[in-house]
C-alpha atoms as a PDB file:
ATOM      1  CA  MET A   1    -199.695 -37.964-132.366  1.00  0.00           C
ATOM      2  CA  PRO A   2    -198.361 -38.067-135.949  1.00  0.00           C
ATOM      3  CA  PRO A   3    -194.851 -39.542-136.342  1.00  0.00           C
ATOM      4  CA  LEU A   4    -193.306 -36.222-137.398  1.00  0.00           C
ATOM      5  CA  LEU A   5    -194.557 -34.454-134.280  1.00  0.00           C
ATOM      6  CA  ARG A   6    -193.460 -37.366-132.100  1.00  0.00           C
ATOM      7  CA  TRP A   7    -189.970 -37.103-133.613  1.00  0.00           C
ATOM      8  CA  LEU A   8    -189.813 -33.310-133.117  1.00  0.00           C
ATOM      9  CA  PHE A   9    -190.929 -33.423-129.505  1.00  0.00           C
ATOM     10  CA  LYS A  10    -189.065 -36.558-128.480  1.00  0.00           C
ATOM     11  CA  PRO A  11    -187.651 -36.067-124.952  1.00  0.00           C
ATOM     12  CA  SER A  12    -183.886 -36.071-124.560  1.00  0.00           C
ATOM     13  CA  PRO A  13    -182.511 -39.157-122.847  1.00  0.00           C
ATOM     14  CA  LEU A  14    -181.489 -38.625-119.240  1.00  0.00           C
ATOM     15  CA  ARG A  15    -177.789 -38.673-118.451  1.00  0.00           C
ATOM     16  CA  THR A  16    -176.314 -39.427-115.026  1.00  0.00           C
ATOM     17  CA  PHE A  17    -173.943 -37.032-113.241  1.00  0.00           C
ATOM     18  CA  ALA A  18    -172.033 -37.253-109.962  1.00  0.00           C
ATOM     19  CA  HIS A  19    -170.999 -34.249-107.896  1.00  0.00           C
ATOM     20  CA  LEU A  20    -167.435 -34.497-106.587  1.00  0.00           C
ATOM     21  CA  ASP A  21    -166.044 -32.521-103.657  1.00  0.00           C
ATOM     22  CA  ALA A  22    -162.546 -30.981-103.527  1.00  0.00           C
ATOM     23  CA  ASN A  23    -161.082 -34.375-102.562  1.00  0.00           C
ATOM     24  CA  GLY A  24    -162.765 -36.161-105.487  1.00  0.00           C
ATOM     25  CA  HIS A  25    -165.345 -37.933-103.316  1.00  0.00           C
ATOM     26  CA  CYS A  26    -168.869 -38.406-104.662  1.00  0.00           C
ATOM     27  CA  GLN A  27    -171.376 -36.242-102.795  1.00  0.00           C
ATOM     28  CA  ALA A  28    -174.546 -36.533-104.903  1.00  0.00           C
ATOM     29  CA  PHE A  29    -176.109 -37.877-108.094  1.00  0.00           C
ATOM     30  CA  LYS A  30    -178.315 -36.130-110.623  1.00  0.00           C
ATOM     31  CA  GLN A  31    -180.085 -37.276-113.785  1.00  0.00           C
ATOM     32  CA  CYS A  32    -180.824 -34.659-116.440  1.00  0.00           C
ATOM     33  CA  ALA A  33    -180.727 -34.169-120.209  1.00  0.00           C
ATOM     34  CA  GLN A  34    -177.997 -31.477-120.132  1.00  0.00           C
ATOM     35  CA  PRO A  35    -174.866 -31.281-117.973  1.00  0.00           C
ATOM     36  CA  PRO A  36    -175.328 -29.239-114.774  1.00  0.00           C
ATOM     37  CA  ALA A  37    -173.948 -25.704-115.067  1.00  0.00           C
ATOM     38  CA  ALA A  38    -172.365 -25.694-111.601  1.00  0.00           C
ATOM     39  CA  PRO A  39    -168.750 -26.865-111.265  1.00  0.00           C
ATOM     40  CA  GLY A  40    -167.906 -30.247-109.778  1.00  0.00           C
ATOM     41  CA  TRP A  41    -170.312 -32.392-111.798  1.00  0.00           C
ATOM     42  CA  VAL A  42    -168.950 -35.226-113.958  1.00  0.00           C
ATOM     43  CA  GLU A  43    -170.885 -37.608-116.181  1.00  0.00           C
ATOM     44  CA  VAL A  44    -170.879 -41.219-115.011  1.00  0.00           C
ATOM     45  CA  SER A  45    -172.015 -44.463-116.590  1.00  0.00           C
ATOM     46  CA  GLU A  46    -174.435 -45.355-113.799  1.00  0.00           C
ATOM     47  CA  MET A  47    -175.614 -44.383-110.331  1.00  0.00           C
ATOM     48  CA  ARG A  48    -174.337 -46.562-107.471  1.00  0.00           C
ATOM     49  CA  LEU A  49    -175.137 -45.605-103.901  1.00  0.00           C
ATOM     50  CA  GLY A  50    -171.937 -47.305-102.753  1.00  0.00           C
ATOM     51  CA  TRP A  51    -169.943 -44.536-104.457  1.00  0.00           C
ATOM     52  CA  LEU A  52    -171.369 -41.855-102.131  1.00  0.00           C
ATOM     53  CA  GLY A  53    -168.618 -40.559 -99.863  1.00  0.00           C
ATOM     54  CA  HIS A  54    -165.923 -42.359-101.874  1.00  0.00           C
ATOM     55  CA  SER A  55    -163.789 -41.728-104.945  1.00  0.00           C
ATOM     56  CA  LEU A  56    -165.318 -42.880-108.224  1.00  0.00           C
ATOM     57  CA  PRO A  57    -163.864 -46.021-109.799  1.00  0.00           C
ATOM     58  CA  ALA A  58    -161.718 -45.331-112.879  1.00  0.00           C
ATOM     59  CA  ASN A  59    -164.280 -46.872-115.245  1.00  0.00           C
ATOM     60  CA  ALA A  60    -167.250 -44.888-113.842  1.00  0.00           C
ATOM     61  CA  ARG A  61    -166.663 -41.659-115.772  1.00  0.00           C
ATOM     62  CA  VAL A  62    -168.087 -41.223-119.255  1.00  0.00           C
ATOM     63  CA  SER A  63    -165.577 -39.717-121.677  1.00  0.00           C
ATOM     64  CA  GLN A  64    -166.503 -36.414-123.301  1.00  0.00           C
ATOM     65  CA  PRO A  65    -167.296 -36.424-127.010  1.00  0.00           C
ATOM     66  CA  ALA A  66    -164.443 -35.141-129.185  1.00  0.00           C
ATOM     67  CA  ARG A  67    -166.341 -31.984-130.142  1.00  0.00           C
ATOM     68  CA  GLU A  68    -166.611 -30.908-126.483  1.00  0.00           C
ATOM     69  CA  CYS A  69    -162.885 -31.505-125.999  1.00  0.00           C
ATOM     70  CA  ARG A  70    -162.066 -29.383-129.054  1.00  0.00           C
ATOM     71  CA  ARG A  71    -164.365 -26.610-127.848  1.00  0.00           C
ATOM     72  CA  ALA A  72    -162.770 -26.582-124.389  1.00  0.00           C
ATOM     73  CA  HIS A  73    -159.304 -26.481-125.973  1.00  0.00           C
ATOM     74  CA  ALA A  74    -160.298 -23.579-128.238  1.00  0.00           C
ATOM     75  CA  LEU A  75    -161.673 -21.626-125.267  1.00  0.00           C
ATOM     76  CA  SER A  76    -158.462 -22.099-123.277  1.00  0.00           C
ATOM     77  CA  ALA A  77    -156.242 -20.842-126.124  1.00  0.00           C
END
């Protein structure tokens, strides 16, 4: 495949998400290119089976890029 086509059709890197219940305990993991649309999913740095059924460690969550924070703030105003 020519380099230009390879660049255009390059797959998005997979990101890791954890689903938290109402108490903040990890219930499931998911890897996908885009954030899940359903509520309760947070992006995490890695997938550790030991987190299932427990609260996530403070350093597990991936911070949102500034543009997403600005967009969420604009929507709430």
